[in-house]
Amino acid sequence: MLFRYRHWIVLSPFLFLAFILWGCELAVPTPADQRPTLTAPTESAQDTPAPALEQQAYTNQDFGFSLSYPAGYELQSSFPHTVNFLAPPGTPAHRERAWLTVEFTSEQNAEWYATRAMEEHANLGINITSSEQVLDGRQAYILGGLSGQDLSRQVFIVDNGILYHLTFVPDDPARGENYKQMETLYAAIIGSLRFLPERRAVPPVTDISNMIHELERALNARSAEDIARLLGDDFVFGDLNPTTAEGMTYARYGPADIIPLILHDQLSPSSSLALLYQVDWATVAGSLDTYAGIFPGEVVTPILAKRWGPNGAGEAVIIIARRFDNSLIWRGAFVLQGASTP
């Protein structure tokens, strides 16, 4: 024990001196060019936000709206009231990813149109999704999974007497790249759609359900102005009586002549018309081939009018025609003689 203690006594001054010298070395500042450089951590590829897609702007002064769509997509407009959006060139097969149709409406609530679309697809065994969204201060109703040549997503917006009806295809994730293109286009249009304070033109009616609704409303309101908006330049008016040798008689009229004739001679002052699209025509007098023969080469749709006539107890066949630009007009009416409405 004595031996170890003596060694400790001898070594202690040397250890103390070594600690002092080591501390002095630590206190000496490191030259600037020898100091380590601090580098900020770099973002990984997955943390870096994807760059925004370049957009192309489109403005329609006639019908009062503007929007943007992705660069590389193409826009086509065969008629003033319809705009088609195509996927970038080189896309295989069918390139149409959306179309926008504007049409006249007296309804100020887009929910009516969305409800009608859901009713038309209700019995087709498909799962329809629905949602609402405010676009530029207007309520938009969005339906997904609607049937057709492709499943579609449809958007209904009404602003200042115009229905803006957007259709996007295909609304089906199983369609891979086509579906991704649709989603990209959908996000761009919905995120940029704006309505202008003024418009230069009134669009036609293009949807058959809307046409029936507008015609029924105009007739029941006894509005010459609203009826005139739905007419073409030539109107065929006649009688159908299967019990006579003539069978059918008719004449052609211009808008200025047919409107007062219908309002004063064909409508009851107390009855409201009901226009029916889904009809068992086998139970209605006459033949659909008869009407097709009167309008050769035209695409016509018959509609059954209940409570027609001055006493509100008759029926008539209303003829709706689709013109080359896809617009609809009221083309004719044939009174069913001897028919009565309960």
Protein backbone atom coordinates (compact mmCIF):
# COMPACT_ATOMS: atom_id res chain seq x y z
CA MET A 1 0.00 0.00 0.00
CA LEU A 2 2.85 2.35 0.81
CA PHE A 3 4.47 1.71 -2.58
CA ARG A 4 1.31 2.53 -4.53
CA TYR A 5 0.64 5.66 -2.53
CA ARG A 6 4.12 7.04 -3.24
CA HIS A 7 3.71 6.55 -7.00
CA TRP A 8 0.45 8.42 -6.94
CA ILE A 9 2.08 11.29 -5.13
CA VAL A 10 4.87 11.45 -7.70
CA LEU A 11 2.62 11.23 -10.78
CA SER A 12 -0.06 13.65 -9.66
CA PRO A 13 1.78 16.89 -10.62
CA PHE A 14 2.43 15.54 -14.11
CA LEU A 15 -1.23 14.57 -14.61
CA PHE A 16 -2.37 17.95 -13.40
CA LEU A 17 -0.07 19.69 -15.90
CA ALA A 18 -1.34 17.48 -18.75
CA PHE A 19 -4.97 18.40 -18.03
CA ILE A 20 -4.09 22.09 -18.13
CA LEU A 21 -2.32 21.83 -21.48
CA TRP A 22 -5.22 19.79 -22.99
CA GLY A 23 -7.72 22.44 -21.91
CA CYS A 24 -5.68 25.18 -23.49
CA GLU A 25 -5.62 23.32 -26.79
CA LEU A 26 -9.43 23.10 -26.75
CA ALA A 27 -9.71 26.82 -26.20
CA VAL A 28 -7.76 27.72 -29.35
CA PRO A 29 -10.29 28.85 -32.08
CA THR A 30 -10.45 26.84 -35.28
CA PRO A 31 -9.65 28.83 -38.45
CA ALA A 32 -12.72 29.66 -40.53
CA ASP A 33 -11.53 27.73 -43.55
CA GLN A 34 -11.19 24.62 -41.41
CA ARG A 35 -14.61 24.75 -39.76
CA PRO A 36 -17.28 22.19 -40.86
CA THR A 37 -19.99 23.52 -43.15
CA LEU A 38 -23.66 23.06 -42.09
CA THR A 39 -25.85 21.86 -44.96
CA ALA A 40 -29.68 22.12 -44.83
CA PRO A 41 -31.41 18.76 -45.33
CA THR A 42 -32.74 18.30 -48.85
CA GLU A 43 -36.37 17.36 -49.58
CA SER A 44 -36.95 13.91 -50.89
CA ALA A 45 -38.81 13.47 -54.18
CA GLN A 46 -41.97 12.42 -52.35
CA ASP A 47 -41.89 15.56 -50.14
CA THR A 48 -41.57 17.95 -53.08
CA PRO A 49 -45.00 19.19 -54.23
CA ALA A 50 -45.85 18.39 -57.83
CA PRO A 51 -45.66 21.44 -60.09
CA ALA A 52 -49.01 22.90 -61.08
CA LEU A 53 -50.17 21.89 -64.53
CA GLU A 54 -50.09 24.62 -67.13
CA GLN A 55 -53.60 25.82 -67.98
CA GLN A 56 -55.30 27.16 -71.08
CA ALA A 57 -58.06 29.76 -70.71
CA TYR A 58 -61.39 29.79 -72.55
CA THR A 59 -64.00 32.57 -72.40
CA ASN A 60 -67.46 32.51 -73.98
CA GLN A 61 -68.90 36.02 -74.12
CA ASP A 62 -72.13 34.91 -75.80
CA PHE A 63 -73.21 32.68 -72.93
CA GLY A 64 -71.32 34.41 -70.13
CA PHE A 65 -68.71 32.05 -68.71
CA SER A 66 -64.99 31.39 -68.56
CA LEU A 67 -62.87 28.41 -67.51
CA SER A 68 -59.45 26.83 -67.79
CA TYR A 69 -58.41 23.38 -68.98
CA PRO A 70 -55.03 21.57 -68.91
CA ALA A 71 -52.42 22.38 -71.53
CA GLY A 72 -52.20 19.66 -74.14
CA TYR A 73 -55.93 18.98 -74.12
CA GLU A 74 -57.91 20.25 -77.08
CA LEU A 75 -61.16 22.22 -77.27
CA GLN A 76 -63.68 21.87 -80.09
CA SER A 77 -66.99 23.65 -80.66
CA SER A 78 -69.15 22.50 -83.54
CA PHE A 79 -72.11 24.62 -82.36
CA PRO A 80 -72.18 27.85 -80.34
CA HIS A 81 -73.98 26.25 -77.38
CA THR A 82 -71.71 23.19 -77.03
CA VAL A 83 -68.00 22.85 -76.17
CA ASN A 84 -66.11 19.52 -76.32
CA PHE A 85 -62.86 18.77 -74.47
CA LEU A 86 -60.48 16.17 -75.93
CA ALA A 87 -57.59 14.34 -74.28
CA PRO A 88 -54.09 15.16 -75.63
CA PRO A 89 -53.26 14.00 -79.16
CA GLY A 90 -51.82 10.51 -79.23
CA THR A 91 -54.35 9.19 -76.74
CA PRO A 92 -55.55 5.84 -78.10
CA ALA A 93 -59.12 5.50 -79.40
CA HIS A 94 -61.84 7.77 -78.04
CA ARG A 95 -60.39 11.13 -76.87
CA GLU A 96 -63.51 12.96 -75.67
CA ARG A 97 -63.29 13.52 -71.91
CA ALA A 98 -65.98 16.15 -71.34
CA TRP A 99 -68.51 18.40 -72.96
CA LEU A 100 -70.35 21.50 -71.80
CA THR A 101 -73.83 22.34 -73.06
CA VAL A 102 -75.63 25.58 -72.31
CA GLU A 103 -79.38 25.81 -72.76
CA PHE A 104 -82.25 28.10 -71.93
CA THR A 105 -84.14 27.47 -68.72
CA SER A 106 -86.85 29.16 -66.73
CA GLU A 107 -85.79 27.21 -63.65
CA GLN A 108 -83.48 29.00 -61.24
CA ASN A 109 -82.61 25.86 -59.27
CA ALA A 110 -80.19 23.31 -60.72
CA GLU A 111 -81.49 20.74 -58.24
CA TRP A 112 -84.54 20.22 -60.49
CA TYR A 113 -82.33 19.03 -63.35
CA ALA A 114 -80.21 16.80 -61.14
CA THR A 115 -83.35 15.22 -59.70
CA ARG A 116 -84.74 14.54 -63.17
CA ALA A 117 -81.45 12.92 -64.24
CA MET A 118 -81.49 10.67 -61.17
CA GLU A 119 -85.10 9.67 -61.88
CA GLU A 120 -84.24 8.73 -65.47
CA HIS A 121 -81.45 6.42 -64.24
CA ALA A 122 -83.20 5.14 -61.12
CA ASN A 123 -84.30 1.79 -62.56
CA LEU A 124 -81.08 0.87 -64.36
CA GLY A 125 -79.48 -0.95 -61.43
CA ILE A 126 -76.49 1.37 -61.10
CA ASN A 127 -75.03 3.09 -58.07
CA ILE A 128 -75.41 6.85 -58.53
CA THR A 129 -73.48 9.19 -56.26
CA SER A 130 -74.62 12.75 -55.57
CA SER A 131 -73.03 15.79 -53.98
CA GLU A 132 -73.30 19.57 -53.92
CA GLN A 133 -70.68 22.25 -54.33
CA VAL A 134 -70.67 26.04 -54.62
CA LEU A 135 -68.98 27.22 -57.82
CA ASP A 136 -68.45 30.96 -58.15
CA GLY A 137 -71.35 31.59 -55.78
CA ARG A 138 -73.78 29.25 -57.59
CA GLN A 139 -75.03 25.94 -56.25
CA ALA A 140 -73.84 23.02 -58.36
CA TYR A 141 -75.30 19.51 -58.20
CA ILE A 142 -72.93 16.68 -59.12
CA LEU A 143 -74.00 13.15 -60.04
CA GLY A 144 -71.54 10.32 -60.56
CA GLY A 145 -71.80 6.90 -62.19
CA LEU A 146 -74.61 7.76 -64.63
CA SER A 147 -75.03 5.16 -67.35
CA GLY A 148 -74.49 5.67 -71.05
CA GLN A 149 -71.95 4.61 -73.64
CA ASP A 150 -69.49 5.33 -70.80
CA LEU A 151 -70.26 5.93 -67.15
CA SER A 152 -70.40 9.70 -66.72
CA ARG A 153 -70.11 12.37 -64.05
CA GLN A 154 -72.53 15.22 -64.63
CA VAL A 155 -72.65 18.71 -63.15
CA PHE A 156 -75.74 20.96 -63.23
CA ILE A 157 -75.51 24.72 -62.57
CA VAL A 158 -78.11 27.43 -63.30
CA ASP A 159 -77.22 31.09 -63.59
CA ASN A 160 -79.39 33.92 -64.88
CA GLY A 161 -81.68 31.82 -67.06
CA ILE A 162 -79.02 29.47 -68.45
CA LEU A 163 -78.41 25.85 -67.50
CA TYR A 164 -74.72 24.91 -67.64
CA HIS A 165 -74.60 21.13 -68.00
CA LEU A 166 -71.16 19.48 -67.83
CA THR A 167 -70.59 15.80 -68.63
CA PHE A 168 -67.26 14.06 -67.89
CA VAL A 169 -66.31 10.58 -69.15
CA PRO A 170 -65.40 7.92 -68.24
CA ASP A 171 -66.37 8.03 -64.56
CA ASP A 172 -64.87 4.60 -63.98
CA PRO A 173 -61.50 3.99 -62.22
CA ALA A 174 -61.21 0.68 -64.05
CA ARG A 175 -60.59 2.65 -67.25
CA GLY A 176 -57.06 3.48 -66.09
CA GLU A 177 -55.39 6.32 -67.99
CA ASN A 178 -58.67 7.52 -69.52
CA TYR A 179 -60.12 7.93 -66.04
CA LYS A 180 -57.02 9.84 -64.86
CA GLN A 181 -57.33 12.18 -67.84
CA MET A 182 -60.97 12.79 -66.98
CA GLU A 183 -60.12 13.54 -63.34
CA THR A 184 -57.39 15.99 -64.38
CA LEU A 185 -59.78 17.80 -66.70
CA TYR A 186 -62.57 17.76 -64.10
CA ALA A 187 -60.34 19.36 -61.44
CA ALA A 188 -59.19 22.09 -63.84
CA ILE A 189 -62.67 23.05 -65.07
CA ILE A 190 -64.46 22.87 -61.72
CA GLY A 191 -61.68 24.84 -60.06
CA SER A 192 -61.77 27.66 -62.62
CA LEU A 193 -65.39 28.01 -63.82
CA ARG A 194 -66.57 31.61 -63.54
CA PHE A 195 -69.73 33.41 -64.67
CA LEU A 196 -69.60 36.77 -66.45
CA PRO A 197 -71.97 39.59 -65.46
CA GLU A 198 -73.32 39.92 -69.01
CA ARG A 199 -74.09 37.64 -71.94
CA ARG A 200 -74.92 38.34 -75.56
CA ALA A 201 -77.19 35.46 -76.59
CA VAL A 202 -79.96 33.17 -75.36
CA PRO A 203 -79.14 29.48 -75.94
CA PRO A 204 -81.64 26.95 -77.31
CA VAL A 205 -83.04 23.94 -75.45
CA THR A 206 -81.16 20.69 -76.15
CA ASP A 207 -82.36 18.20 -73.51
CA ILE A 208 -85.69 16.45 -74.18
CA SER A 209 -86.73 16.48 -70.50
CA ASN A 210 -85.99 20.18 -70.29
CA MET A 211 -87.89 20.80 -73.53
CA ILE A 212 -90.99 19.02 -72.23
CA HIS A 213 -90.79 20.95 -68.98
CA GLU A 214 -90.37 24.31 -70.73
CA LEU A 215 -93.17 23.65 -73.21
CA GLU A 216 -95.57 22.49 -70.49
CA ARG A 217 -94.75 25.55 -68.39
CA ALA A 218 -95.14 27.96 -71.36
CA LEU A 219 -98.49 26.48 -72.41
CA ASN A 220 -99.91 26.46 -68.90
CA ALA A 221 -98.74 30.04 -68.37
CA ARG A 222 -100.43 30.98 -71.68
CA SER A 223 -97.26 32.89 -72.51
CA ALA A 224 -96.98 33.79 -76.19
CA GLU A 225 -93.39 34.96 -75.69
CA ASP A 226 -92.25 31.70 -74.06
CA ILE A 227 -94.05 29.58 -76.67
CA ALA A 228 -92.45 31.56 -79.50
CA ARG A 229 -89.00 30.83 -78.06
CA LEU A 230 -89.61 27.10 -78.49
CA LEU A 231 -90.93 27.19 -82.07
CA GLY A 232 -89.18 26.86 -85.42
CA ASP A 233 -90.13 28.65 -88.63
CA ASP A 234 -92.63 25.98 -89.72
CA PHE A 235 -95.35 24.37 -87.58
CA VAL A 236 -97.67 21.52 -88.60
CA PHE A 237 -101.09 21.46 -86.95
CA GLY A 238 -103.76 18.88 -87.69
CA ASP A 239 -106.48 16.48 -86.59
CA LEU A 240 -106.29 12.71 -86.38
CA ASN A 241 -109.56 10.78 -86.65
CA PRO A 242 -109.08 7.07 -87.38
CA THR A 243 -112.84 6.63 -87.92
CA THR A 244 -112.96 8.82 -91.05
CA ALA A 245 -111.72 8.12 -94.55
CA GLU A 246 -109.30 11.03 -94.43
CA GLY A 247 -107.74 9.76 -91.22
CA MET A 248 -105.55 12.82 -90.78
CA THR A 249 -105.76 16.39 -92.01
CA TYR A 250 -103.19 19.08 -91.33
CA ALA A 251 -101.89 22.45 -92.46
CA ARG A 252 -98.66 24.39 -92.02
CA TYR A 253 -98.35 27.63 -90.06
CA GLY A 254 -95.76 30.21 -89.16
CA PRO A 255 -95.16 31.18 -85.51
CA ALA A 256 -97.22 34.37 -85.75
CA ASP A 257 -100.30 32.39 -86.81
CA ILE A 258 -100.04 29.21 -84.74
CA ILE A 259 -99.56 30.88 -81.35
CA PRO A 260 -102.94 32.69 -81.22
CA LEU A 261 -104.67 29.64 -82.73
CA ILE A 262 -103.41 27.41 -79.93
CA LEU A 263 -103.89 29.91 -77.13
CA HIS A 264 -107.43 30.91 -78.13
CA ASP A 265 -108.86 27.73 -79.68
CA GLN A 266 -106.96 24.76 -78.24
CA LEU A 267 -106.41 25.42 -74.55
CA SER A 268 -108.96 25.41 -71.78
CA PRO A 269 -108.93 28.53 -69.62
CA SER A 270 -109.23 26.39 -66.50
CA SER A 271 -107.26 23.20 -67.20
CA SER A 272 -103.53 22.62 -66.99
CA LEU A 273 -101.87 20.43 -69.58
CA ALA A 274 -99.76 17.42 -68.69
CA LEU A 275 -97.13 16.39 -71.25
CA LEU A 276 -96.12 12.73 -71.03
CA TYR A 277 -92.87 11.32 -72.45
CA GLN A 278 -93.15 7.68 -71.35
CA VAL A 279 -96.28 6.46 -73.11
CA ASP A 280 -97.65 3.12 -74.27
CA TRP A 281 -98.28 4.28 -77.81
CA ALA A 282 -100.11 1.07 -78.67
CA THR A 283 -103.01 2.41 -76.62
CA VAL A 284 -103.03 5.80 -78.38
CA ALA A 285 -105.07 6.38 -81.54
CA GLY A 286 -103.11 6.52 -84.75
CA SER A 287 -99.66 5.21 -85.60
CA LEU A 288 -96.23 6.67 -84.95
CA ASP A 289 -95.37 5.84 -88.56
CA THR A 290 -97.96 8.42 -89.58
CA TYR A 291 -96.06 11.23 -87.88
CA ALA A 292 -92.73 10.05 -89.24
CA GLY A 293 -94.19 10.28 -92.74
CA ILE A 294 -95.17 13.91 -92.24
CA PHE A 295 -91.63 14.86 -91.21
CA PRO A 296 -89.40 12.81 -93.55
CA GLY A 297 -85.70 12.92 -92.79
CA GLU A 298 -86.25 14.63 -89.42
CA VAL A 299 -85.55 13.28 -85.96
CA VAL A 300 -88.86 13.69 -84.15
CA THR A 301 -90.14 12.64 -80.72
CA PRO A 302 -93.88 12.32 -79.97
CA ILE A 303 -95.23 13.57 -76.65
CA LEU A 304 -98.77 12.92 -75.42
CA ALA A 305 -100.63 16.00 -74.15
CA LYS A 306 -103.41 15.31 -71.65
CA ARG A 307 -106.28 17.76 -70.97
CA TRP A 308 -105.99 19.33 -74.42
CA GLY A 309 -108.78 21.23 -76.13
CA PRO A 310 -111.15 24.09 -75.26
CA ASN A 311 -112.93 21.98 -72.64
CA GLY A 312 -109.75 20.42 -71.25
CA ALA A 313 -110.94 16.85 -71.84
CA GLY A 314 -109.08 15.89 -75.01
CA GLU A 315 -105.66 14.65 -76.03
CA ALA A 316 -103.11 15.67 -78.63
CA VAL A 317 -99.79 14.36 -79.89
CA ILE A 318 -97.06 16.96 -79.58
CA ILE A 319 -94.10 16.60 -81.96
CA ILE A 320 -90.63 17.68 -80.83
CA ALA A 321 -87.93 17.84 -83.52
CA ARG A 322 -84.15 17.88 -83.12
CA ARG A 323 -82.33 20.12 -85.56
CA PHE A 324 -78.86 19.68 -87.08
CA ASP A 325 -77.25 21.71 -84.27
CA ASN A 326 -78.78 19.42 -81.62
CA SER A 327 -81.31 22.06 -80.53
CA LEU A 328 -84.96 21.14 -80.00
CA ILE A 329 -88.09 22.88 -81.31
CA TRP A 330 -91.82 22.38 -81.04
CA ARG A 331 -92.56 21.12 -84.54
CA GLY A 332 -96.22 20.18 -84.57
CA ALA A 333 -99.43 19.11 -82.80
CA PHE A 334 -102.19 16.67 -83.81
CA VAL A 335 -105.50 16.63 -81.98
CA LEU A 336 -106.85 13.12 -81.34
CA GLN A 337 -110.52 13.34 -82.26
CA GLY A 338 -112.75 11.25 -80.02
CA ALA A 339 -110.07 10.83 -77.34
CA SER A 340 -110.94 11.93 -73.83
CA THR A 341 -108.84 12.45 -70.73
CA PRO A 342 -110.26 11.30 -67.40
